[in-house]
């Protein structure tokens, strides 16, 4: 290899060591490695910047905007509530999330599925207390395994089939032909994750930690007419054992039902009194089938999606001190609505409108963002602070956001538009159809993930351009000799190893001509090798950088590089053994 090739390999090894041995973020390490190659002149600047204009990276950026629309309208939260139900254990949660995602990923591109589910699962985790780190890697792996089951499940499958079509000596693959291997691998991966997922996945980013040393509030919700939770018990509706949130009583037809039993059935117009911490109060407002009991919220001038939750401490100079919230005309005076009151860290059990304010009371308000500017320096309040990620959901635009999502998937799935074109069109549609605001969409883009993806693509391009990747692949395949089964196994292993180091698409494109030459020299049918490349290119389980869905869940799950190694390598072995064993039995050489 040339000096440049050795330099790129050395930097890549250094990055891998840093990712494994330190807690420095992946985007900083990968970008630092790429910057080092550019500064030293080892890699030309245009080549290093290829990743920043890569279609895959730009597609992920657009999908964050699509996911923002689904999140802001409540569409994906509604789906997750239906899918996850009242799952109360890690295993039940993994079962509920992996089953539909595997099926969906077989027919839809897996990247938008993962992008849409991440924010909703973060909120679900806060509500249930189950660490999000227990479900996000299974989400990514399920999407990857599901994508191997059809020709349209991943872009890698489509790219490889395109190469087969261009090669006159081979035939193309059928739509469901990869399923002959993909389905057994998906089933095996599903079982493996259910058995070992809880034990091998870390217990991090648990939302319970964020509830320590916070104030307790009371909030009143009403069961909506024709809601899906009507006639369900408290337990069936998923309203029992909520972390840091307690259903204190139900008011039904003017009668109070205290110490609510789990088998108590809900009825239309039941008023549910919850007590809990501020994050739990936010989450219960997004629970499908419940609405705020106070009509005052709906009398504010600004649309609910333009508001946020604010905590404000009442000062002695507040003109409403000593009067009830209703008597003082709080809404008209401040253009804000009191959702809950905390007094000395404890809940106040009266109805909101009948609470007499005292100095030092902490109010949980729903207000327009301008409230902060107007009253930050006012003598009415000691302290005003916004509650992060607290914009209320209305579910009004959920159907529009869902149509945009399915339109994007349909246009890309049937080949009318490329995935990049379809995702950009969907992102624009989300903003135009008022599913999300432009400013909110920008805030929802995870720039660190994009930086990590672009940097890893740049490093992969450098590895490929300097010839290091080709030397590695050719050297590995040279061990095959005249043994067809060994040649097949080495094709899978070389594709898998390259996928973990560069990207799945690049690995498949790189191995294709080498494996084709090998099959031609040995006078073997190339289709078994093509299937091995498909499976090897998608078998990116042991590092976060080989597959973009792994990178997308890396930060939100609070993962470390070693987490992927711990749970991913056994899965790599399981998928590899099944692939190499079954291919010769299904496709003859």
Protein backbone atom coordinates (compact mmCIF):
# COMPACT_ATOMS: atom_id res chain seq x y z
CA UNK A 1 0.00 0.00 0.00
CA UNK A 2 1.06 3.61 -0.50
CA UNK A 3 2.05 5.97 2.30
CA UNK A 4 -1.33 7.73 1.99
CA UNK A 5 -3.16 4.42 2.39
CA UNK A 6 -1.19 3.54 5.54
CA UNK A 7 -1.83 7.03 6.93
CA UNK A 8 -5.59 6.69 6.41
CA UNK A 9 -5.59 3.24 8.04
CA UNK A 10 -3.59 4.60 11.00
CA UNK A 11 -6.00 7.51 11.53
CA UNK A 12 -8.99 5.17 11.26
CA UNK A 13 -7.49 2.81 13.86
CA UNK A 14 -6.79 5.77 16.13
CA UNK A 15 -10.43 6.91 15.79
CA UNK A 16 -11.69 3.40 16.61
CA UNK A 17 -9.46 3.23 19.70
CA UNK A 18 -10.72 6.65 20.84
CA UNK A 19 -14.34 5.65 20.28
CA UNK A 20 -13.88 2.46 22.28
CA UNK A 21 -11.73 3.78 25.14
CA UNK A 22 -13.07 7.30 25.76
CA UNK A 23 -16.38 9.06 26.35
CA UNK A 24 -15.64 11.76 23.77
CA UNK A 25 -18.60 12.12 21.37
CA UNK A 26 -18.41 10.18 18.10
CA UNK A 27 -18.91 13.28 15.95
CA UNK A 28 -15.91 15.04 17.52
CA UNK A 29 -13.62 12.01 17.14
CA UNK A 30 -14.60 11.27 13.54
CA UNK A 31 -14.46 14.91 12.45
CA UNK A 32 -11.11 15.28 14.19
CA UNK A 33 -9.71 12.29 12.30
CA UNK A 34 -10.94 13.64 8.98
CA UNK A 35 -9.60 17.12 9.77
CA UNK A 36 -6.17 15.63 10.53
CA UNK A 37 -6.05 13.96 7.10
CA UNK A 38 -7.04 17.22 5.39
CA UNK A 39 -4.60 19.43 7.35
CA UNK A 40 -1.66 17.12 6.62
CA UNK A 41 -2.58 17.00 2.93
CA UNK A 42 -2.86 13.21 2.94
CA UNK A 43 -6.43 13.39 1.62
CA UNK A 44 -7.52 16.07 -0.89
CA UNK A 45 -10.07 18.50 0.52
CA UNK A 46 -12.75 17.77 -2.17
CA UNK A 47 -12.54 14.05 -1.36
CA UNK A 48 -12.77 14.65 2.39
CA UNK A 49 -15.82 16.87 1.91
CA UNK A 50 -17.64 14.29 -0.21
CA UNK A 51 -19.47 13.09 2.89
CA UNK A 52 -20.96 16.54 3.48
CA UNK A 53 -22.68 16.43 0.09
CA UNK A 54 -23.53 12.73 0.25
CA UNK A 55 -27.12 11.84 -0.65
CA UNK A 56 -27.45 9.56 2.37
CA UNK A 57 -26.39 12.27 4.83
CA UNK A 58 -28.65 14.88 3.21
CA UNK A 59 -31.52 12.39 3.22
CA UNK A 60 -31.10 11.91 6.98
CA UNK A 61 -31.12 15.71 7.43
CA UNK A 62 -34.41 16.00 5.53
CA UNK A 63 -35.87 13.08 7.49
CA UNK A 64 -35.27 14.94 10.74
CA UNK A 65 -37.61 17.64 9.41
CA UNK A 66 -40.17 14.97 8.47
CA UNK A 67 -39.83 13.49 11.96
CA UNK A 68 -40.34 16.98 13.43
CA UNK A 69 -43.68 17.24 11.61
CA UNK A 70 -44.76 13.84 12.89
CA UNK A 71 -43.65 14.79 16.40
CA UNK A 72 -45.21 18.28 16.49
CA UNK A 73 -48.62 17.06 15.28
CA UNK A 74 -48.58 14.10 17.67
CA UNK A 75 -48.91 11.54 14.85
CA UNK A 76 -45.96 9.41 15.85
CA UNK A 77 -46.79 9.68 19.57
CA UNK A 78 -50.23 8.29 18.80
CA UNK A 79 -48.73 5.36 16.87
CA UNK A 80 -46.20 4.62 19.62
CA UNK A 81 -48.96 4.66 22.26
CA UNK A 82 -50.88 2.11 20.18
CA UNK A 83 -47.81 -0.03 19.49
CA UNK A 84 -46.31 0.06 22.99
CA UNK A 85 -49.62 -0.06 24.84
CA UNK A 86 -49.10 -0.67 28.55
CA UNK A 87 -45.80 -2.54 28.22
CA UNK A 88 -44.24 -2.53 31.67
CA UNK A 89 -41.10 -4.64 31.20
CA UNK A 90 -38.03 -4.28 29.00
CA UNK A 91 -38.74 -7.53 27.18
CA UNK A 92 -42.36 -6.61 26.47
CA UNK A 93 -41.24 -3.20 25.22
CA UNK A 94 -38.64 -4.70 22.87
CA UNK A 95 -41.19 -7.20 21.57
CA UNK A 96 -43.72 -4.48 20.83
CA UNK A 97 -41.27 -2.18 19.07
CA UNK A 98 -39.33 -4.77 17.04
CA UNK A 99 -42.31 -6.64 15.60
CA UNK A 100 -43.93 -3.79 13.63
CA UNK A 101 -40.60 -2.13 12.76
CA UNK A 102 -39.26 -5.33 11.16
CA UNK A 103 -42.38 -5.67 9.03
CA UNK A 104 -42.47 -1.99 8.06
CA UNK A 105 -38.76 -1.94 7.17
CA UNK A 106 -39.22 -4.79 4.70
CA UNK A 107 -41.41 -2.56 2.52
CA UNK A 108 -40.39 0.98 3.48
CA UNK A 109 -36.95 2.52 3.71
CA UNK A 110 -35.77 1.87 7.25
CA UNK A 111 -34.14 5.28 7.83
CA UNK A 112 -37.37 7.37 8.03
CA UNK A 113 -38.94 4.72 10.26
CA UNK A 114 -36.11 5.02 12.79
CA UNK A 115 -36.02 8.83 12.49
CA UNK A 116 -39.75 9.03 13.27
CA UNK A 117 -39.71 6.63 16.20
CA UNK A 118 -36.73 8.06 18.12
CA UNK A 119 -38.40 11.20 19.61
CA UNK A 120 -41.61 9.34 20.39
CA UNK A 121 -39.75 6.54 22.18
CA UNK A 122 -37.85 9.13 24.22
CA UNK A 123 -41.16 10.53 25.47
CA UNK A 124 -42.54 7.01 26.00
CA UNK A 125 -39.47 6.21 28.09
CA UNK A 126 -40.11 9.22 30.33
CA UNK A 127 -43.69 8.11 30.82
CA UNK A 128 -42.95 4.46 31.63
CA UNK A 129 -39.57 4.76 33.35
CA UNK A 130 -38.07 2.09 31.08
CA UNK A 131 -34.63 3.39 29.96
CA UNK A 132 -34.61 4.47 26.33
CA UNK A 133 -31.21 2.74 26.00
CA UNK A 134 -33.06 -0.57 26.26
CA UNK A 135 -35.16 0.01 23.14
CA UNK A 136 -33.25 2.23 20.68
CA UNK A 137 -30.57 -0.30 19.61
CA UNK A 138 -33.29 -2.97 19.16
CA UNK A 139 -35.19 -0.36 17.10
CA UNK A 140 -32.17 0.14 14.80
CA UNK A 141 -31.34 -3.57 14.56
CA UNK A 142 -34.97 -4.48 13.83
CA UNK A 143 -35.03 -1.91 11.02
CA UNK A 144 -31.78 -3.30 9.58
CA UNK A 145 -32.92 -6.93 9.76
CA UNK A 146 -36.34 -6.10 8.30
CA UNK A 147 -34.68 -4.28 5.42
CA UNK A 148 -32.85 -7.44 4.32
CA UNK A 149 -36.12 -9.26 3.62
CA UNK A 150 -37.03 -7.56 0.32
CA UNK A 151 -35.29 -5.91 -2.59
CA UNK A 152 -36.72 -2.51 -1.64
CA UNK A 153 -36.02 -2.71 2.09
CA UNK A 154 -32.69 -0.88 1.90
CA UNK A 155 -30.89 1.23 -0.66
CA UNK A 156 -28.01 -1.29 -0.59
CA UNK A 157 -30.25 -4.03 -2.00
CA UNK A 158 -31.40 -1.75 -4.80
CA UNK A 159 -27.85 -0.65 -5.61
CA UNK A 160 -26.58 -4.22 -5.76
CA UNK A 161 -29.50 -5.31 -7.94
CA UNK A 162 -28.68 -2.41 -10.26
CA UNK A 163 -25.12 -3.72 -10.56
CA UNK A 164 -26.51 -7.17 -11.35
CA UNK A 165 -28.69 -5.72 -14.11
CA UNK A 166 -25.69 -3.92 -15.62
CA UNK A 167 -23.63 -7.13 -15.58
CA UNK A 168 -24.62 -9.18 -18.64
CA UNK A 169 -23.39 -12.49 -17.20
CA UNK A 170 -25.81 -12.46 -14.27
CA UNK A 171 -29.54 -12.16 -13.66
CA UNK A 172 -31.36 -9.71 -11.40
CA UNK A 173 -33.00 -10.64 -8.11
CA UNK A 174 -36.72 -11.02 -7.45
CA UNK A 175 -38.53 -8.67 -5.06
CA UNK A 176 -38.80 -11.31 -2.31
CA UNK A 177 -35.75 -13.42 -3.19
CA UNK A 178 -33.61 -11.92 -0.40
CA UNK A 179 -36.33 -13.00 2.07
CA UNK A 180 -35.18 -16.63 1.76
CA UNK A 181 -32.19 -15.62 3.87
CA UNK A 182 -33.45 -12.34 5.33
CA UNK A 183 -36.48 -13.81 7.10
CA UNK A 184 -34.54 -16.60 8.93
CA UNK A 185 -31.91 -14.01 9.96
CA UNK A 186 -34.60 -11.57 11.11
CA UNK A 187 -36.33 -14.27 13.18
CA UNK A 188 -33.02 -15.35 14.74
CA UNK A 189 -32.08 -11.74 15.47
CA UNK A 190 -35.52 -11.12 16.96
CA UNK A 191 -35.18 -14.09 19.33
CA UNK A 192 -31.58 -13.18 20.23
CA UNK A 193 -32.51 -9.60 21.14
CA UNK A 194 -35.50 -10.74 23.20
CA UNK A 195 -33.37 -13.20 25.17
CA UNK A 196 -30.20 -11.17 25.65
CA UNK A 197 -31.28 -7.59 24.94
CA UNK A 198 -32.14 -6.64 28.51
CA UNK A 199 -28.95 -8.15 29.92
CA UNK A 200 -26.48 -6.83 27.31
CA UNK A 201 -27.93 -3.35 26.75
CA UNK A 202 -26.92 -0.58 29.17
CA UNK A 203 -29.23 1.06 31.67
CA UNK A 204 -28.72 4.70 30.74
CA UNK A 205 -30.70 7.87 30.04
CA UNK A 206 -33.44 6.77 32.39
CA UNK A 207 -35.81 9.65 32.77
CA UNK A 208 -36.36 8.78 36.42
CA UNK A 209 -33.06 10.50 37.24
CA UNK A 210 -34.40 13.78 35.87
CA UNK A 211 -37.29 13.74 38.37
CA UNK A 212 -35.08 14.04 41.46
CA UNK A 213 -35.34 17.20 43.54
CA UNK A 214 -38.19 18.65 41.47
CA UNK A 215 -41.56 20.12 42.47
CA UNK A 216 -44.80 18.17 42.63
CA UNK A 217 -47.85 19.52 40.79
CA UNK A 218 -51.47 18.54 40.34
CA UNK A 219 -53.20 18.57 36.95
CA UNK A 220 -56.75 17.76 35.93
CA UNK A 221 -57.54 15.89 32.68
CA UNK A 222 -60.86 14.90 31.08
CA UNK A 223 -61.61 11.66 29.20
CA UNK A 224 -62.71 12.78 25.74
CA UNK A 225 -65.89 11.62 24.05
CA UNK A 226 -65.39 8.63 21.69
CA UNK A 227 -61.86 8.18 23.10
CA UNK A 228 -60.30 4.73 22.64
CA UNK A 229 -59.70 4.50 26.40
CA UNK A 230 -63.42 4.77 27.25
CA UNK A 231 -64.61 1.52 28.92
CA UNK A 232 -61.02 0.41 29.50
CA UNK A 233 -59.69 -0.12 32.99
CA UNK A 234 -57.02 2.19 34.40
CA UNK A 235 -54.45 -0.56 33.87
CA UNK A 236 -55.58 -1.37 30.31
CA UNK A 237 -55.41 2.30 29.37
CA UNK A 238 -51.79 2.47 30.53
CA UNK A 239 -52.49 4.99 33.31
CA UNK A 240 -51.27 2.84 36.20
CA UNK A 241 -47.72 2.77 37.64
CA UNK A 242 -46.61 5.84 35.69
CA UNK A 243 -43.19 6.97 36.97
CA UNK A 244 -43.36 10.16 39.04
CA UNK A 245 -47.06 10.52 38.19
CA UNK A 246 -49.95 9.32 40.33
CA UNK A 247 -53.66 9.17 39.57
CA UNK A 248 -54.94 10.59 42.86
CA UNK A 249 -58.70 10.51 42.18
CA UNK A 250 -61.46 10.44 39.58
CA UNK A 251 -64.35 12.89 39.66
CA UNK A 252 -67.41 11.33 37.99
CA UNK A 253 -70.77 13.10 37.85
CA UNK A 254 -69.74 15.32 40.77
CA UNK A 255 -68.73 12.29 42.88
CA UNK A 256 -65.14 11.71 43.94
CA UNK A 257 -63.50 8.28 43.58
CA UNK A 258 -60.32 8.37 45.71
CA UNK A 259 -57.65 5.63 45.87
CA UNK A 260 -58.46 4.60 42.30
CA UNK A 261 -58.27 0.81 41.80
CA UNK A 262 -56.49 -0.56 38.70
CA UNK A 263 -59.69 -2.34 37.55
CA UNK A 264 -61.76 0.88 37.63
CA UNK A 265 -63.25 1.47 34.15
CA UNK A 266 -63.03 4.89 32.55
CA UNK A 267 -66.12 6.74 31.31
CA UNK A 268 -66.64 9.73 29.03
CA UNK A 269 -66.14 13.08 30.81
CA UNK A 270 -64.38 11.49 33.79
CA UNK A 271 -62.12 14.10 35.39
CA UNK A 272 -58.78 12.52 36.29
CA UNK A 273 -56.66 14.24 38.95
CA UNK A 274 -52.95 13.47 38.48
CA UNK A 275 -50.11 14.52 40.77
CA UNK A 276 -46.49 14.41 39.67
CA UNK A 277 -43.33 16.14 38.52
CA UNK A 278 -43.22 18.68 35.72
CA UNK A 279 -41.92 16.30 33.01
CA UNK A 280 -44.69 13.83 33.83
CA UNK A 281 -47.24 16.63 33.65
CA UNK A 282 -45.99 17.43 30.13
CA UNK A 283 -46.24 13.79 29.05
CA UNK A 284 -49.77 13.21 30.35
CA UNK A 285 -51.00 16.16 28.27
CA UNK A 286 -49.88 14.25 25.17
CA UNK A 287 -51.77 11.10 26.12
CA UNK A 288 -54.27 10.33 23.34
CA UNK A 289 -57.86 10.38 24.60
CA UNK A 290 -57.28 12.91 27.40
CA UNK A 291 -57.62 16.70 27.29
CA UNK A 292 -56.98 19.45 29.82
CA UNK A 293 -59.91 20.09 32.12
CA UNK A 294 -59.45 23.86 32.13
CA UNK A 295 -61.27 25.61 29.29
CA UNK A 296 -59.06 28.63 29.90
CA UNK A 297 -56.29 27.05 27.83
CA UNK A 298 -58.46 27.14 24.73
CA UNK A 299 -59.38 30.82 25.25
CA UNK A 300 -55.85 32.14 24.84
CA UNK A 301 -55.26 34.16 21.69
CA UNK A 302 -52.31 32.20 20.24
CA UNK A 303 -52.62 28.66 18.79
CA UNK A 304 -51.54 25.96 21.25
CA UNK A 305 -48.66 24.82 19.05
CA UNK A 306 -47.11 28.27 19.44
CA UNK A 307 -47.13 28.10 23.24
CA UNK A 308 -44.82 26.57 25.81
CA UNK A 309 -44.88 25.65 29.49
CA UNK A 310 -43.28 28.08 31.93
CA UNK A 311 -42.56 27.85 35.65
CA UNK A 312 -43.01 31.12 37.56
CA UNK A 313 -42.59 31.87 41.28
CA UNK A 314 -45.12 34.34 42.72
CA UNK A 315 -43.56 37.41 44.39
CA UNK A 316 -45.08 39.45 47.26
CA UNK A 317 -45.74 42.26 44.77
CA UNK A 318 -48.05 40.19 42.62
CA UNK A 319 -51.51 41.86 42.61
CA UNK A 320 -53.30 38.51 42.80
CA UNK A 321 -51.65 37.39 46.07
CA UNK A 322 -54.40 36.61 48.58
CA UNK A 323 -57.03 36.20 45.86
CA UNK A 324 -58.04 33.10 43.93
CA UNK A 325 -56.72 32.58 40.41
CA UNK A 326 -60.23 32.96 39.05
CA UNK A 327 -61.02 36.13 41.04
CA UNK A 328 -57.76 37.73 40.01
CA UNK A 329 -58.42 37.17 36.30
CA UNK A 330 -55.03 35.56 35.81
CA UNK A 331 -55.62 34.64 32.12
CA UNK A 332 -56.69 38.13 31.08
CA UNK A 333 -53.95 39.82 33.10
CA UNK A 334 -51.00 37.71 31.88
CA UNK A 335 -52.31 36.03 28.70
CA UNK A 336 -51.34 32.75 30.32
CA UNK A 337 -53.18 29.90 32.00
CA UNK A 338 -52.26 28.24 35.29
CA UNK A 339 -52.14 24.47 34.78
CA UNK A 340 -50.89 23.54 38.24
CA UNK A 341 -49.61 25.03 41.50
CA UNK A 342 -46.82 23.76 43.76
CA UNK A 343 -46.53 25.13 47.30
CA UNK A 344 -43.26 24.46 49.17
CA UNK A 345 -42.60 21.57 46.79
CA UNK A 346 -45.96 19.91 47.53
CA UNK A 347 -49.16 19.76 45.53
CA UNK A 348 -52.17 21.95 46.18
CA UNK A 349 -55.26 19.76 45.97
CA UNK A 350 -57.94 22.38 45.25
CA UNK A 351 -59.31 23.11 41.80
CA UNK A 352 -57.00 25.49 39.99
CA UNK A 353 -59.45 28.38 39.80
CA UNK A 354 -60.21 28.17 43.55
CA UNK A 355 -56.58 28.27 44.73
CA UNK A 356 -55.67 31.46 46.63
CA UNK A 357 -52.18 32.47 45.58
CA UNK A 358 -49.45 33.01 48.17
CA UNK A 359 -46.00 34.44 47.75
CA UNK A 360 -43.50 31.69 46.90
CA UNK A 361 -46.09 29.56 45.07
CA UNK A 362 -44.60 27.99 41.93
CA UNK A 363 -47.01 28.12 39.01
CA UNK A 364 -46.89 25.86 35.97
CA UNK A 365 -48.20 28.06 33.15
CA UNK A 366 -49.09 27.57 29.52
CA UNK A 367 -48.18 30.79 27.75
CA UNK A 368 -46.98 32.39 24.53
CA UNK A 369 -43.16 32.60 24.27
CA UNK A 370 -43.52 36.42 24.57
CA UNK A 371 -44.57 35.91 28.20
CA UNK A 372 -40.89 35.43 29.09
CA UNK A 373 -39.87 38.78 27.61
CA UNK A 374 -42.82 40.70 29.07
CA UNK A 375 -42.52 39.53 32.67
CA UNK A 376 -38.88 38.46 33.10
CA UNK A 377 -38.08 41.71 34.94
CA UNK A 378 -41.55 42.25 36.40
CA UNK A 379 -42.16 42.60 40.14
CA UNK A 380 -45.04 40.12 39.81
CA UNK A 381 -42.72 37.08 39.74
CA UNK A 382 -39.43 36.18 41.41
CA UNK A 383 -38.26 33.78 38.75
CA UNK A 384 -39.51 32.72 35.34
CA UNK A 385 -38.03 29.73 33.50
CA UNK A 386 -39.24 27.85 30.41
CA UNK A 387 -39.80 24.10 30.52
CA UNK A 388 -37.82 22.46 27.74
CA UNK A 389 -39.59 20.49 25.01
CA UNK A 390 -43.01 21.45 26.37
CA UNK A 391 -44.94 22.73 23.34
CA UNK A 392 -48.44 21.22 23.71
CA UNK A 393 -49.61 18.67 21.15
CA UNK A 394 -53.01 19.13 19.51
CA UNK A 395 -53.14 16.10 17.15
CA UNK A 396 -54.97 18.40 14.69
CA UNK A 397 -52.44 18.00 11.87
CA UNK A 398 -51.64 14.34 12.55
CA UNK A 399 -53.51 13.14 9.47
CA UNK A 400 -51.68 15.64 7.24
CA UNK A 401 -48.29 14.61 8.60
CA UNK A 402 -49.19 10.93 8.12
CA UNK A 403 -50.22 11.54 4.51
CA UNK A 404 -46.91 13.32 3.85
CA UNK A 405 -44.98 10.38 5.33
CA UNK A 406 -46.83 7.73 3.31
CA UNK A 407 -46.56 9.88 0.20
CA UNK A 408 -42.80 10.08 0.65
CA UNK A 409 -42.49 6.33 1.18
CA UNK A 410 -44.72 5.60 -1.83
CA UNK A 411 -42.86 7.92 -4.18
CA UNK A 412 -39.49 6.47 -3.14
CA UNK A 413 -40.69 2.85 -2.95
CA UNK A 414 -42.16 2.82 -6.46
CA UNK A 415 -39.15 4.59 -7.92
CA UNK A 416 -41.00 7.77 -8.92
CA UNK A 417 -38.41 9.81 -6.97
CA UNK A 418 -35.11 8.96 -5.32
CA UNK A 419 -35.10 8.74 -1.53
CA UNK A 420 -33.29 12.09 -1.42
CA UNK A 421 -35.86 13.80 -3.66
CA UNK A 422 -38.79 12.25 -1.80
CA UNK A 423 -37.42 13.22 1.62
CA UNK A 424 -36.76 16.82 0.53
CA UNK A 425 -40.27 17.06 -0.92
CA UNK A 426 -41.73 15.65 2.31
CA UNK A 427 -39.69 18.08 4.43
CA UNK A 428 -40.99 21.05 2.44
CA UNK A 429 -44.55 19.66 2.61
CA UNK A 430 -44.35 19.38 6.41
CA UNK A 431 -43.58 23.10 6.63
CA UNK A 432 -46.00 24.22 3.90
CA UNK A 433 -48.90 22.23 5.38
CA UNK A 434 -48.16 23.70 8.83
CA UNK A 435 -47.20 20.39 10.42
CA UNK A 436 -44.14 22.10 11.84
CA UNK A 437 -42.62 25.56 11.78
CA UNK A 438 -39.39 26.22 9.90
CA UNK A 439 -37.61 27.32 13.09
CA UNK A 440 -38.81 24.22 14.94
CA UNK A 441 -37.71 21.97 12.07
CA UNK A 442 -34.20 23.41 12.23
CA UNK A 443 -34.08 22.89 15.98
CA UNK A 444 -35.07 19.23 15.57
CA UNK A 445 -32.19 18.43 13.21
CA UNK A 446 -29.47 16.60 15.14
CA UNK A 447 -26.44 18.33 13.65
CA UNK A 448 -24.03 16.17 15.64
CA UNK A 449 -25.38 13.01 14.03
CA UNK A 450 -25.07 14.60 10.59
CA UNK A 451 -21.48 15.63 11.36
CA UNK A 452 -20.66 12.08 12.46
CA UNK A 453 -22.24 10.58 9.32
CA UNK A 454 -20.49 13.04 6.98
CA UNK A 455 -17.14 12.51 8.70
CA UNK A 456 -17.43 8.72 8.60
CA UNK A 457 -18.32 8.92 4.90
CA UNK A 458 -15.27 11.11 4.33
CA UNK A 459 -13.02 8.60 6.11
CA UNK A 460 -14.59 5.77 4.11
CA UNK A 461 -14.01 7.63 0.85
CA UNK A 462 -10.36 8.19 1.84
CA UNK A 463 -9.98 4.49 2.66
CA UNK A 464 -11.42 3.58 -0.71
CA UNK A 465 -9.65 6.25 -2.78
CA UNK A 466 -6.17 5.46 -1.44
CA UNK A 467 -6.64 1.79 -2.34
CA UNK A 468 -6.47 0.56 1.26
CA UNK A 469 -9.99 -0.89 1.19
CA UNK A 470 -9.35 -2.73 -2.09
CA UNK A 471 -6.09 -4.23 -0.82
CA UNK A 472 -7.85 -5.36 2.34
CA UNK A 473 -10.77 -6.99 0.49
CA UNK A 474 -8.62 -8.58 -2.23
CA UNK A 475 -6.19 -9.96 0.35
CA UNK A 476 -8.98 -11.51 2.39
CA UNK A 477 -10.63 -13.13 -0.64
CA UNK A 478 -7.31 -14.54 -1.87
CA UNK A 479 -7.48 -17.10 0.93
CA UNK A 480 -10.47 -18.76 -0.76
CA UNK A 481 -8.40 -20.91 -3.12
CA UNK A 482 -10.73 -23.27 -5.01
CA UNK A 483 -13.21 -23.90 -2.19
CA UNK A 484 -16.65 -22.39 -3.14
CA UNK A 485 -17.99 -22.44 0.44
CA UNK A 486 -14.85 -20.74 1.77
CA UNK A 487 -15.07 -18.17 -1.03
CA UNK A 488 -18.70 -17.47 -0.06
CA UNK A 489 -17.83 -17.15 3.63
CA UNK A 490 -14.94 -14.78 2.89
CA UNK A 491 -17.19 -12.69 0.63
CA UNK A 492 -19.61 -12.28 3.53
CA UNK A 493 -16.88 -11.57 6.09
CA UNK A 494 -15.05 -9.04 3.90
CA UNK A 495 -18.32 -7.20 3.13
CA UNK A 496 -19.27 -7.17 6.80
CA UNK A 497 -15.86 -5.88 7.97
CA UNK A 498 -15.86 -3.13 5.33
CA UNK A 499 -19.41 -2.18 6.27
CA UNK A 500 -18.35 -1.67 9.87
CA UNK A 501 -15.44 0.55 8.73
CA UNK A 502 -16.99 2.54 5.89
CA UNK A 503 -20.66 2.37 4.85
CA UNK A 504 -22.97 -0.41 3.70
CA UNK A 505 -23.42 0.96 0.18
CA UNK A 506 -19.69 1.58 -0.31
CA UNK A 507 -18.82 -1.89 0.99
CA UNK A 508 -21.29 -3.57 -1.37
CA UNK A 509 -20.07 -1.59 -4.40
CA UNK A 510 -16.43 -2.33 -3.53
CA UNK A 511 -16.81 -6.08 -2.95
CA UNK A 512 -19.10 -6.66 -5.97
CA UNK A 513 -16.41 -6.65 -8.74
CA UNK A 514 -13.95 -8.63 -6.61
CA UNK A 515 -16.50 -11.34 -5.77
CA UNK A 516 -17.71 -11.38 -9.38
CA UNK A 517 -14.16 -11.99 -10.62
CA UNK A 518 -13.69 -14.71 -8.02
CA UNK A 519 -16.94 -16.48 -9.02
CA UNK A 520 -16.05 -16.21 -12.72
CA UNK A 521 -12.58 -17.68 -12.20
CA UNK A 522 -14.03 -20.57 -10.19
CA UNK A 523 -16.86 -20.98 -12.81
CA UNK A 524 -19.56 -20.53 -10.18
CA UNK A 525 -22.99 -18.91 -10.30
CA UNK A 526 -22.68 -15.38 -8.88
CA UNK A 527 -26.16 -15.13 -7.29
CA UNK A 528 -25.11 -16.88 -4.03
CA UNK A 529 -22.28 -14.35 -3.73
CA UNK A 530 -24.70 -11.48 -4.43
CA UNK A 531 -26.95 -12.64 -1.58
CA UNK A 532 -23.90 -12.89 0.71
CA UNK A 533 -22.96 -9.30 -0.16
CA UNK A 534 -26.52 -8.11 0.56
CA UNK A 535 -26.51 -9.74 4.00
CA UNK A 536 -22.93 -8.75 4.82
CA UNK A 537 -23.53 -5.13 3.85
CA UNK A 538 -26.54 -4.92 6.18
CA UNK A 539 -24.90 -6.80 9.07
CA UNK A 540 -23.62 -3.64 10.74
CA UNK A 541 -24.35 -4.42 14.37
CA UNK A 542 -21.01 -4.13 16.18
CA UNK A 543 -20.18 -0.47 15.49
CA UNK A 544 -22.31 2.69 15.33
CA UNK A 545 -20.60 4.10 12.21
CA UNK A 546 -21.37 1.41 9.62
CA UNK A 547 -25.10 2.01 9.31
CA UNK A 548 -26.81 5.38 9.59
CA UNK A 549 -29.66 4.15 11.83
CA UNK A 550 -27.03 3.02 14.37
CA UNK A 551 -25.58 6.53 14.39
CA UNK A 552 -29.04 8.07 14.70
CA UNK A 553 -29.75 6.21 17.97
CA UNK A 554 -26.19 6.63 19.34
CA UNK A 555 -26.76 9.99 21.07
CA UNK A 556 -30.44 9.70 22.09
CA UNK A 557 -29.74 6.30 23.68
CA UNK A 558 -26.74 7.55 25.62
CA UNK A 559 -24.70 4.71 24.15
CA UNK A 560 -20.96 4.13 24.07
CA UNK A 561 -19.01 2.46 21.30
CA UNK A 562 -18.50 -0.66 23.45
CA UNK A 563 -22.27 -1.13 23.82
CA UNK A 564 -22.50 -1.97 20.12
CA UNK A 565 -19.57 -4.39 20.38
CA UNK A 566 -21.09 -6.17 23.36
CA UNK A 567 -24.51 -6.81 21.83
CA UNK A 568 -23.59 -6.62 18.14
CA UNK A 569 -20.78 -9.15 17.68
CA UNK A 570 -22.87 -12.17 18.83
CA UNK A 571 -25.64 -11.02 16.48
CA UNK A 572 -23.07 -10.69 13.67
CA UNK A 573 -22.03 -14.29 14.28
CA UNK A 574 -25.63 -15.53 14.34
CA UNK A 575 -26.51 -13.77 11.07
CA UNK A 576 -23.20 -14.85 9.45
CA UNK A 577 -23.63 -18.53 10.33
CA UNK A 578 -27.23 -18.61 9.09
CA UNK A 579 -26.29 -16.80 5.86
CA UNK A 580 -23.29 -18.96 4.96
CA UNK A 581 -25.15 -22.17 5.92
CA UNK A 582 -28.43 -21.53 4.09
CA UNK A 583 -27.20 -19.89 0.86
CA UNK A 584 -25.67 -23.11 -0.66
CA UNK A 585 -28.84 -25.01 0.27
CA UNK A 586 -31.10 -22.52 -1.57
CA UNK A 587 -28.93 -21.36 -4.49
CA UNK A 588 -26.57 -23.85 -6.12
CA UNK A 589 -23.09 -22.78 -7.13
